[in-house]
N, C-alpha and C. Protein backbone atom coordinates (compact mmCIF):
# COMPACT_ATOMS: atom_id res chain seq x y z
N UNK A 1 0.97 -1.53 -0.59
CA UNK A 1 -0.09 0.16 -0.11
C UNK A 1 0.54 1.11 -0.14
N UNK A 2 1.85 1.20 0.49
CA UNK A 2 2.67 2.48 0.67
C UNK A 2 3.44 2.96 -1.01
N UNK A 3 3.50 1.72 -1.77
CA UNK A 3 3.99 2.47 -3.01
C UNK A 3 2.58 2.91 -4.12
N UNK A 4 1.82 1.74 -3.50
CA UNK A 4 0.19 2.71 -3.77
C UNK A 4 0.27 4.42 -3.81
N UNK A 5 0.61 4.14 -2.28
CA UNK A 5 0.04 6.00 -1.62
C UNK A 5 0.75 6.84 -2.15
N UNK A 6 1.56 6.26 -3.04
CA UNK A 6 3.18 7.35 -3.37
C UNK A 6 2.44 7.37 -5.09
N UNK A 7 2.20 6.50 -5.07
CA UNK A 7 1.57 7.13 -6.52
C UNK A 7 0.73 7.71 -6.78
N UNK A 8 -0.43 8.02 -5.68
CA UNK A 8 -1.39 8.29 -5.96
C UNK A 8 -0.83 9.56 -5.20
N UNK A 9 -0.21 9.65 -4.72
CA UNK A 9 0.20 11.22 -4.43
C UNK A 9 0.91 11.92 -5.42
N UNK A 10 1.76 11.22 -6.13
CA UNK A 10 2.75 12.16 -7.65
C UNK A 10 1.45 11.98 -8.35
N UNK A 11 0.37 11.39 -8.29
CA UNK A 11 -0.82 11.94 -9.46
C UNK A 11 -1.87 12.63 -8.70
N UNK A 12 -1.46 12.83 -8.08
CA UNK A 12 -2.34 13.43 -6.94
C UNK A 12 -2.96 15.26 -7.48
N UNK A 13 -3.50 15.61 -7.21
CA UNK A 13 -3.61 17.48 -7.87
C UNK A 13 -2.76 18.82 -6.60
N UNK A 14 -2.37 18.09 -5.11
CA UNK A 14 -1.38 18.38 -4.73
C UNK A 14 -0.05 17.94 -5.09
N UNK A 15 0.45 17.40 -6.27
CA UNK A 15 1.69 17.21 -6.72
C UNK A 15 1.75 18.41 -8.06
N UNK A 16 0.62 18.46 -8.80
CA UNK A 16 0.49 19.15 -9.78
C UNK A 16 0.55 21.01 -8.79
N UNK A 17 0.09 20.81 -7.97
CA UNK A 17 0.01 22.43 -7.33
C UNK A 17 1.15 22.91 -7.46
N UNK A 18 2.26 21.94 -7.00
CA UNK A 18 3.30 22.49 -6.27
C UNK A 18 4.46 22.63 -7.80
N UNK A 19 4.14 22.28 -8.66
CA UNK A 19 4.80 22.37 -10.30
C UNK A 19 3.98 23.56 -10.71
N UNK A 20 2.62 23.67 -10.64
CA UNK A 20 1.97 24.82 -11.09
C UNK A 20 2.42 26.22 -10.10
N UNK A 21 2.81 25.94 -8.77
CA UNK A 21 3.30 27.08 -7.86
C UNK A 21 4.24 27.42 -7.73
N UNK A 22 5.15 26.65 -8.97
CA UNK A 22 6.54 26.81 -9.09
C UNK A 22 6.69 27.86 -10.46
N UNK A 23 5.89 27.33 -11.53
CA UNK A 23 5.23 28.28 -12.51
C UNK A 23 4.85 29.49 -12.23
N UNK A 24 4.08 29.65 -11.17
CA UNK A 24 3.24 30.86 -11.08
C UNK A 24 4.21 31.67 -10.45
N UNK A 25 5.44 31.17 -9.37
CA UNK A 25 6.03 32.02 -9.00
C UNK A 25 7.45 32.42 -10.13
N UNK A 26 7.46 31.89 -10.78
CA UNK A 26 8.21 32.14 -11.78
C UNK A 26 8.33 33.57 -12.74
N UNK A 27 6.21 32.85 -12.70
CA UNK A 27 5.39 34.36 -13.67
C UNK A 27 5.62 35.15 -12.93
N UNK A 28 5.14 35.47 -11.37
CA UNK A 28 4.86 36.74 -10.63
C UNK A 28 6.22 37.31 -10.34
N UNK A 29 7.42 36.41 -10.56
CA UNK A 29 8.73 37.39 -10.72
C UNK A 29 9.08 37.92 -11.95
N UNK A 30 8.60 37.24 -13.00
CA UNK A 30 9.04 38.27 -13.97
C UNK A 30 7.76 39.44 -14.67
N UNK A 31 6.46 39.22 -14.21
CA UNK A 31 5.76 40.14 -14.19
C UNK A 31 6.35 41.21 -13.32
N UNK A 32 6.27 41.00 -12.38
CA UNK A 32 6.83 41.90 -10.85
C UNK A 32 7.87 42.50 -11.52
N UNK A 33 9.20 42.14 -12.14
CA UNK A 33 10.35 42.92 -12.77
C UNK A 33 9.69 43.96 -13.94
N UNK A 34 8.77 43.19 -14.83
CA UNK A 34 8.35 44.01 -15.87
C UNK A 34 7.24 45.20 -15.00
N UNK A 35 6.53 44.95 -14.18
CA UNK A 35 5.80 46.03 -13.42
C UNK A 35 6.78 47.12 -12.60
N UNK A 36 8.16 46.59 -12.05
CA UNK A 36 8.94 47.44 -11.78
C UNK A 36 9.66 48.51 -13.19
N UNK A 37 10.00 47.73 -14.10
CA UNK A 37 10.08 48.62 -14.86
C UNK A 37 9.21 49.20 -15.35
N UNK A 38 7.82 49.01 -15.77
CA UNK A 38 7.01 50.48 -16.20
C UNK A 38 6.90 50.83 -15.25
N UNK A 39 6.66 50.45 -13.80
CA UNK A 39 6.99 51.73 -12.75
C UNK A 39 8.08 52.72 -13.13
N UNK A 40 9.24 52.29 -13.06
CA UNK A 40 10.28 53.40 -13.63
C UNK A 40 10.06 54.14 -14.47
N UNK A 41 9.56 53.97 -15.55
CA UNK A 41 9.30 54.61 -16.81
C UNK A 41 8.19 55.53 -16.90
N UNK A 42 7.11 55.21 -16.20
CA UNK A 42 5.97 55.92 -15.88
C UNK A 42 6.49 57.32 -14.91
N UNK A 43 7.68 56.71 -13.63
CA UNK A 43 7.97 57.52 -12.89
C UNK A 43 9.09 59.05 -13.67
N UNK A 44 9.50 58.40 -14.72
CA UNK A 44 10.44 59.22 -15.71
C UNK A 44 9.61 59.72 -16.68
N UNK A 45 8.78 59.43 -16.93
CA UNK A 45 8.04 60.33 -17.64
C UNK A 45 6.61 61.13 -17.18
N UNK A 46 6.70 60.96 -15.57
CA UNK A 46 6.01 62.10 -14.70
C UNK A 46 7.05 62.91 -14.81
N UNK A 47 7.90 62.89 -14.22
CA UNK A 47 9.53 63.50 -14.08
C UNK A 47 9.76 64.71 -15.17
N UNK A 48 9.56 63.77 -16.53
CA UNK A 48 9.72 64.91 -17.93
C UNK A 48 8.03 65.84 -17.89
N UNK A 49 6.84 64.62 -17.58
CA UNK A 49 6.03 66.00 -17.93
C UNK A 49 5.76 67.15 -16.62
N UNK A 50 6.63 66.57 -15.68
CA UNK A 50 6.88 67.87 -14.81
C UNK A 50 7.99 68.71 -15.06
N UNK A 51 8.98 68.47 -15.54
CA UNK A 51 9.83 69.56 -16.62
C UNK A 51 9.11 70.37 -17.60
N UNK A 52 8.34 69.70 -18.56
CA UNK A 52 8.20 70.19 -19.73
C UNK A 52 6.67 71.25 -19.26
N UNK A 53 6.23 70.76 -17.97
CA UNK A 53 5.31 71.86 -17.52
C UNK A 53 6.13 72.60 -17.04
N UNK A 54 6.82 72.82 -16.12
CA UNK A 54 7.77 73.91 -15.41
C UNK A 54 8.31 74.63 -16.69
N UNK A 55 8.72 73.79 -18.26
CA UNK A 55 9.40 74.81 -18.90
C UNK A 55 8.30 75.95 -20.30
N UNK A 56 6.79 75.01 -19.88
CA UNK A 56 5.92 75.59 -20.49
C UNK A 56 5.64 77.26 -19.55
N UNK A 57 5.67 76.55 -18.52
CA UNK A 57 5.00 77.49 -17.46
C UNK A 57 5.85 78.84 -17.72
N UNK A 58 7.16 78.40 -17.92
CA UNK A 58 8.50 79.51 -17.78
C UNK A 58 8.54 80.22 -19.31
N UNK A 59 7.86 79.75 -20.18
CA UNK A 59 7.71 80.19 -21.60
C UNK A 59 6.65 81.06 -21.91
N UNK A 60 5.74 80.47 -21.27
CA UNK A 60 4.01 81.80 -20.86
C UNK A 60 4.71 83.07 -20.43
N UNK A 61 5.20 82.82 -18.71
CA UNK A 61 6.13 84.05 -18.18
C UNK A 61 6.63 85.08 -19.08
N UNK A 62 7.77 83.91 -19.75
CA UNK A 62 8.24 85.03 -20.83
C UNK A 62 7.63 85.66 -21.86
N UNK A 63 6.67 85.12 -22.38
CA UNK A 63 5.66 85.65 -23.44
C UNK A 63 5.35 87.00 -22.62
N UNK A 64 4.39 86.35 -21.75
CA UNK A 64 3.63 87.47 -20.99
C UNK A 64 4.66 88.70 -20.72
N UNK A 65 5.37 88.42 -20.23
CA UNK A 65 6.49 89.74 -19.72
C UNK A 65 6.94 90.87 -21.49
N UNK A 66 7.39 89.71 -21.76
CA UNK A 66 7.60 90.17 -23.31
C UNK A 66 6.32 91.02 -23.78
N UNK A 67 5.47 90.75 -24.08
CA UNK A 67 4.05 91.39 -24.25
C UNK A 67 4.07 92.66 -22.90
N UNK A 68 4.21 92.58 -22.27
CA UNK A 68 3.59 93.72 -21.47
C UNK A 68 4.98 94.81 -21.44
N UNK A 69 6.24 94.61 -21.69
CA UNK A 69 7.21 95.18 -21.77
C UNK A 69 7.06 95.94 -23.57
N UNK A 70 6.40 94.92 -24.35
CA UNK A 70 6.05 95.65 -26.10
C UNK A 70 5.23 96.91 -25.58
N UNK A 71 4.40 96.15 -24.98
CA UNK A 71 2.84 97.41 -24.67
C UNK A 71 3.58 98.44 -23.86
N UNK A 72 4.35 98.50 -22.90
CA UNK A 72 4.70 99.94 -21.94
C UNK A 72 5.78 100.42 -22.99
N UNK A 73 6.71 100.08 -24.00
CA UNK A 73 7.81 100.08 -24.63
C UNK A 73 6.65 100.86 -26.00
N UNK A 74 5.89 100.62 -26.65
CA UNK A 74 4.76 101.37 -27.12
C UNK A 74 3.87 102.80 -26.44
N UNK A 75 3.59 102.61 -25.54
CA UNK A 75 2.78 103.29 -24.58
C UNK A 75 3.77 104.71 -24.74
N UNK A 76 5.22 104.64 -24.04
CA UNK A 76 6.10 105.22 -23.96
C UNK A 76 6.34 105.53 -25.51
N UNK A 77 6.50 105.50 -25.84
CA UNK A 77 6.63 105.83 -27.79
C UNK A 77 5.75 106.75 -27.85
N UNK A 78 4.55 106.36 -27.60
CA UNK A 78 3.34 106.91 -28.09
C UNK A 78 3.66 108.61 -27.36
N UNK A 79 3.98 108.44 -25.92
CA UNK A 79 3.79 109.14 -25.04
C UNK A 79 5.13 109.99 -25.27
N UNK A 80 6.25 109.91 -25.84
CA UNK A 80 7.20 110.40 -26.02
C UNK A 80 6.86 111.28 -27.53
N UNK A 81 6.62 110.33 -28.39
CA UNK A 81 6.34 111.64 -29.85
C UNK A 81 4.79 112.02 -29.58
N UNK A 82 3.87 112.15 -28.82
CA UNK A 82 2.96 113.18 -28.58
C UNK A 82 4.07 114.73 -27.77
N UNK A 83 4.72 114.36 -26.83
CA UNK A 83 5.61 115.05 -26.30
C UNK A 83 6.26 116.14 -27.08
N UNK A 84 6.90 115.14 -27.87
CA UNK A 84 7.84 115.67 -29.17
C UNK A 84 6.50 116.93 -30.06
N UNK A 85 6.23 116.39 -30.25
CA UNK A 85 4.69 117.52 -31.06
C UNK A 85 4.28 118.37 -30.64
N UNK A 86 3.96 117.93 -28.91
CA UNK A 86 3.75 119.77 -28.28
C UNK A 86 4.95 120.16 -28.34
N UNK A 87 5.95 120.08 -27.58
CA UNK A 87 7.44 120.77 -28.04
C UNK A 87 7.52 121.27 -29.28
N UNK A 88 7.51 120.71 -29.98
CA UNK A 88 7.64 121.19 -31.86
C UNK A 88 6.38 122.44 -31.90
N UNK A 89 5.08 122.34 -31.21
CA UNK A 89 4.03 123.17 -31.25
C UNK A 89 4.31 124.74 -30.77
N UNK A 90 5.05 124.03 -29.07
CA UNK A 90 5.62 125.55 -28.12
C UNK A 90 6.65 126.20 -28.48
N UNK A 91 7.45 125.76 -29.45
CA UNK A 91 8.93 125.77 -29.84
C UNK A 91 8.15 127.04 -31.35
N UNK A 92 7.04 126.48 -32.04
CA UNK A 92 6.56 127.32 -32.88
C UNK A 92 5.96 128.69 -32.81
N UNK A 93 5.50 128.27 -31.23
CA UNK A 93 4.59 129.27 -31.15
C UNK A 93 5.53 130.21 -30.55
N UNK A 94 6.73 129.70 -29.38
CA UNK A 94 7.39 130.76 -28.71
C UNK A 94 8.61 131.47 -30.12
N UNK A 95 8.86 130.79 -31.02
CA UNK A 95 9.58 131.47 -32.39
C UNK A 95 8.55 132.72 -32.99
N UNK A 96 7.25 132.43 -33.27
CA UNK A 96 6.74 133.63 -33.52
C UNK A 96 6.49 134.75 -32.48
N UNK A 97 6.51 134.90 -30.86
CA UNK A 97 6.47 135.47 -30.64
C UNK A 97 7.84 136.39 -30.59
N UNK A 98 8.57 135.63 -30.53
CA UNK A 98 9.84 136.00 -30.97
C UNK A 98 9.96 137.31 -31.92
N UNK A 99 9.57 136.37 -32.59
CA UNK A 99 9.80 137.56 -33.96
C UNK A 99 8.95 138.50 -33.56
N UNK A 100 7.46 138.44 -33.07
CA UNK A 100 6.69 139.54 -32.84
C UNK A 100 7.12 140.93 -32.28
N UNK A 101 7.86 139.86 -30.86
CA UNK A 101 8.47 140.85 -29.97
C UNK A 101 10.01 141.62 -31.20
N UNK A 102 10.39 140.88 -31.84
CA UNK A 102 11.46 141.75 -32.25
C UNK A 102 10.42 143.07 -33.34
N UNK A 103 9.71 142.69 -33.76
CA UNK A 103 9.03 144.14 -34.56
C UNK A 103 9.04 144.85 -33.38
N UNK A 104 8.24 144.87 -32.39
CA UNK A 104 7.89 145.66 -30.97
C UNK A 104 9.21 146.81 -30.63
N UNK A 105 9.98 145.80 -30.55
CA UNK A 105 11.43 146.28 -30.47
C UNK A 105 12.23 147.17 -31.45
N UNK A 106 12.05 146.77 -32.60
CA UNK A 106 12.03 147.46 -33.79
C UNK A 106 11.46 148.65 -33.89
N UNK A 107 10.22 148.67 -33.76
CA UNK A 107 9.17 149.88 -33.67
C UNK A 107 9.72 151.03 -32.90
N UNK A 108 9.96 150.48 -31.08
CA UNK A 108 10.01 150.98 -30.21
C UNK A 108 11.77 151.99 -30.38
N UNK A 109 12.55 150.92 -31.16
CA UNK A 109 13.90 151.40 -31.52
C UNK A 109 13.63 152.65 -32.53
N UNK A 110 12.62 152.33 -33.27
CA UNK A 110 12.35 153.71 -34.25
C UNK A 110 11.69 154.89 -33.72
N UNK A 111 11.25 154.54 -33.12
CA UNK A 111 9.87 155.56 -31.98
C UNK A 111 11.24 156.76 -31.38
N UNK A 112 11.99 156.08 -30.33
CA UNK A 112 13.16 156.45 -30.12
C UNK A 112 13.90 157.33 -30.84
N UNK A 113 14.13 156.61 -31.96
CA UNK A 113 15.24 157.40 -32.83
C UNK A 113 14.85 158.95 -33.37
N UNK A 114 13.59 158.44 -33.46
CA UNK A 114 12.90 159.52 -34.13
C UNK A 114 12.59 160.70 -33.42
N UNK A 115 12.19 160.25 -32.00
CA UNK A 115 11.81 161.30 -31.01
C UNK A 115 13.33 162.08 -30.73
N UNK A 116 13.96 160.96 -29.92
CA UNK A 116 15.73 161.77 -30.01
C UNK A 116 15.91 162.59 -31.01
N UNK A 117 16.03 162.31 -32.59
CA UNK A 117 16.50 163.44 -33.39
C UNK A 117 15.40 164.77 -33.43
N UNK A 118 14.12 164.39 -33.21
CA UNK A 118 13.25 165.66 -32.71
C UNK A 118 14.24 166.89 -32.11
N UNK A 119 14.06 165.99 -30.44
CA UNK A 119 14.62 166.60 -29.46
C UNK A 119 15.94 167.77 -29.77
N UNK A 120 16.62 167.05 -30.40
CA UNK A 120 18.20 167.69 -30.68
C UNK A 120 17.70 168.28 -32.04
N UNK A 121 16.84 168.16 -32.98
CA UNK A 121 16.93 169.27 -33.95
C UNK A 121 16.20 170.59 -33.18
N UNK A 122 15.43 170.63 -31.83
CA UNK A 122 14.60 171.29 -31.66
C UNK A 122 16.08 172.46 -30.42
N UNK A 123 17.03 171.85 -29.95
CA UNK A 123 17.73 172.06 -29.11
C UNK A 123 18.84 172.80 -29.97
N UNK A 124 18.87 172.41 -31.23
CA UNK A 124 20.17 172.68 -32.37
C UNK A 124 19.50 172.86 -33.42
N UNK A 125 18.81 174.02 -33.94
CA UNK A 125 18.42 173.47 -35.13
C UNK A 125 18.93 173.73 -36.42
N UNK A 126 20.05 174.61 -36.08
CA UNK A 126 21.13 174.77 -37.12
C UNK A 126 22.38 173.79 -37.23
N UNK A 127 21.98 172.41 -36.42
CA UNK A 127 23.28 171.29 -36.38
C UNK A 127 22.65 170.63 -37.62
N UNK A 128 23.81 170.31 -38.63
CA UNK A 128 23.77 168.97 -39.25
C UNK A 128 23.28 167.77 -39.08
N UNK A 129 22.26 167.09 -39.23
CA UNK A 129 21.39 166.00 -39.04
C UNK A 129 22.21 164.78 -39.69
N UNK A 130 22.65 165.37 -40.73
CA UNK A 130 23.43 164.07 -41.85
C UNK A 130 24.11 163.08 -41.56
N UNK A 131 24.82 163.14 -40.14
CA UNK A 131 25.56 162.26 -39.60
C UNK A 131 24.44 161.19 -38.57
N UNK A 132 23.81 161.36 -38.47
CA UNK A 132 22.68 161.37 -36.85
C UNK A 132 22.56 160.29 -37.68
N UNK A 133 23.33 158.98 -37.17
CA UNK A 133 22.42 157.46 -37.69
C UNK A 133 22.33 156.56 -36.28
N UNK A 134 21.44 155.64 -36.63
CA UNK A 134 21.94 154.31 -35.38
C UNK A 134 23.32 153.42 -35.40
N UNK A 135 23.33 153.98 -37.07
CA UNK A 135 24.76 152.90 -37.14
C UNK A 135 26.34 153.66 -36.69
N UNK A 136 26.39 154.73 -36.80
CA UNK A 136 27.25 155.43 -36.47
C UNK A 136 28.06 155.40 -35.02
N UNK A 137 29.18 155.57 -34.79
CA UNK A 137 29.60 155.48 -33.51
C UNK A 137 30.65 156.96 -33.12
N UNK A 138 30.75 157.17 -31.71
CA UNK A 138 31.79 158.36 -31.67
C UNK A 138 32.98 158.04 -31.28
N UNK A 139 34.05 158.50 -32.03
CA UNK A 139 35.55 157.74 -31.41
C UNK A 139 36.54 159.15 -31.34
N UNK A 140 37.34 158.80 -30.68
CA UNK A 140 37.91 160.38 -30.27
C UNK A 140 37.06 161.67 -30.93
N UNK A 141 36.02 162.02 -29.84
CA UNK A 141 35.67 163.13 -30.37
C UNK A 141 35.40 163.41 -31.93
N UNK A 142 34.95 162.11 -32.60
CA UNK A 142 34.57 162.11 -33.96
C UNK A 142 33.60 161.11 -34.54
N UNK A 143 32.43 161.00 -35.21
CA UNK A 143 31.48 160.48 -35.57
C UNK A 143 32.04 159.41 -36.32
N UNK A 144 32.32 158.27 -36.36
CA UNK A 144 32.50 157.03 -37.01
C UNK A 144 31.32 156.13 -37.28
N UNK A 145 31.64 154.89 -39.06
CA UNK A 145 30.91 154.60 -39.09
C UNK A 145 31.19 152.99 -38.41
N UNK A 146 30.06 152.31 -37.60
CA UNK A 146 30.57 151.05 -36.70
C UNK A 146 30.85 150.02 -37.89
N UNK A 147 32.42 149.36 -36.89
CA UNK A 147 32.70 148.34 -37.74
C UNK A 147 31.61 147.59 -37.82
N UNK A 148 32.38 146.71 -39.13
CA UNK A 148 31.10 145.47 -39.82
C UNK A 148 30.85 144.06 -39.18
N UNK A 149 31.81 144.02 -37.72
CA UNK A 149 31.22 143.03 -37.21
C UNK A 149 30.43 142.85 -36.67
N UNK A 150 29.86 141.55 -36.76
CA UNK A 150 28.30 141.25 -36.20
C UNK A 150 28.23 141.19 -34.58
N UNK A 151 27.29 141.72 -34.00
CA UNK A 151 27.45 141.46 -32.45
C UNK A 151 27.00 140.12 -32.15
N UNK A 152 27.13 139.17 -30.97
CA UNK A 152 26.83 138.01 -30.95
C UNK A 152 25.22 138.30 -29.90
N UNK A 153 24.78 136.73 -29.95
CA UNK A 153 23.41 137.14 -29.39
C UNK A 153 22.28 136.08 -30.77
N UNK A 154 20.95 136.63 -30.03
CA UNK A 154 20.45 135.97 -31.24
C UNK A 154 19.93 136.80 -32.28
N UNK A 155 20.10 136.48 -33.95
CA UNK A 155 19.61 137.36 -34.81
C UNK A 155 18.44 138.12 -34.67
N UNK A 156 18.80 139.69 -35.08
CA UNK A 156 17.26 140.46 -34.44
C UNK A 156 16.66 140.63 -36.47
N UNK A 157 15.63 140.07 -36.64
CA UNK A 157 14.92 140.58 -37.63
C UNK A 157 13.94 141.63 -37.72
N UNK A 158 15.13 142.66 -38.41
CA UNK A 158 14.85 144.35 -38.47
C UNK A 158 14.07 144.67 -39.28
N UNK A 159 13.00 145.62 -39.62
CA UNK A 159 12.77 145.93 -40.81
C UNK A 159 13.72 146.59 -41.63
N UNK A 160 13.86 147.58 -40.26
CA UNK A 160 15.20 148.69 -40.70
C UNK A 160 16.29 148.78 -40.25
N UNK A 161 17.43 148.58 -40.25
CA UNK A 161 18.45 149.21 -39.32
C UNK A 161 18.47 149.94 -38.43
N UNK A 162 18.35 150.10 -37.48
CA UNK A 162 18.50 151.59 -36.87
C UNK A 162 19.34 151.36 -35.73
N UNK A 163 20.17 152.17 -35.37
CA UNK A 163 21.19 152.52 -34.14
C UNK A 163 21.22 154.28 -33.98
N UNK A 164 21.50 154.16 -32.86
CA UNK A 164 21.43 155.50 -32.40
C UNK A 164 22.59 155.67 -31.39
N UNK A 165 23.38 156.67 -31.23
CA UNK A 165 24.95 157.09 -30.66
C UNK A 165 24.54 158.42 -30.09
N UNK A 166 24.32 159.06 -29.18
CA UNK A 166 24.39 160.01 -28.70
C UNK A 166 25.61 160.76 -27.61
N UNK A 167 26.34 161.04 -27.92
CA UNK A 167 27.35 161.54 -26.87
C UNK A 167 27.70 162.69 -26.78
N UNK A 168 28.30 163.21 -25.71
CA UNK A 168 28.49 165.09 -25.57
C UNK A 168 29.93 165.22 -25.40
N UNK A 169 30.52 166.10 -25.53
CA UNK A 169 32.27 166.76 -25.28
C UNK A 169 31.72 167.28 -24.29
N UNK A 170 32.91 167.14 -23.20
CA UNK A 170 32.85 168.00 -22.04
C UNK A 170 32.53 169.03 -21.57
N UNK A 171 33.70 169.57 -22.31
CA UNK A 171 34.18 171.48 -22.66
C UNK A 171 33.47 171.84 -23.23
N UNK A 172 32.89 171.69 -24.02
CA UNK A 172 32.54 172.48 -25.36
C UNK A 172 31.09 172.76 -25.22
N UNK A 173 30.48 171.37 -24.04
CA UNK A 173 29.22 171.01 -23.86
C UNK A 173 28.39 170.90 -25.52
N UNK A 174 28.61 170.55 -26.70
CA UNK A 174 28.29 170.57 -27.52
C UNK A 174 27.80 168.68 -28.37
N UNK A 175 26.86 168.29 -28.73
CA UNK A 175 26.37 166.92 -28.82
C UNK A 175 27.16 166.69 -29.98
N UNK A 176 27.24 165.29 -29.82
CA UNK A 176 28.07 165.15 -30.69
C UNK A 176 27.13 163.54 -31.51
N UNK A 177 26.81 163.73 -32.62
CA UNK A 177 25.60 162.38 -33.04
C UNK A 177 26.58 161.67 -34.34
N UNK A 178 26.45 160.38 -34.00
CA UNK A 178 27.46 159.34 -35.18
C UNK A 178 26.70 158.91 -35.68
N UNK A 179 27.04 158.67 -36.85
CA UNK A 179 26.27 158.13 -38.56
C UNK A 179 27.26 157.20 -39.15
N UNK A 180 26.77 155.94 -39.47
CA UNK A 180 27.58 155.18 -40.56
C UNK A 180 26.91 154.20 -41.15
């Protein structure tokens, strides 16, 4: 009976279960290895995904910053250009005012010259006023034409060039007029 029992046990499902368990353990270990490889690949892909998300966020922030800077630059350019136009208008206005003031200055000088000439004519009716000119100067007691040197400063726009020089000589009390 011992041999028969041994034969029955070998042919029984328990013996088959041991071989099946060995095969199942081998398959389990193989599947576990594949799962570990797959988990490693998933972890790497998740890390790559996080890196890509981070790069995308950085790129989006850079794009937003670039757009904001471009908008600010455009606004600054627009503001600066408007200031330039305003400054040009103010400059033209100031230039027009300057020309107008020059005209008033010329008129005032001409009026003063004519008034002074009339006063001299009243004080000395016999005096020859042909040398009486705004362009002449008195040098060494004589009336001399003014040098041709241009004066420094902003140029005056004069309708008539008018200059007057009036000097008196101390001993004789005569009035000397220069014209040039």
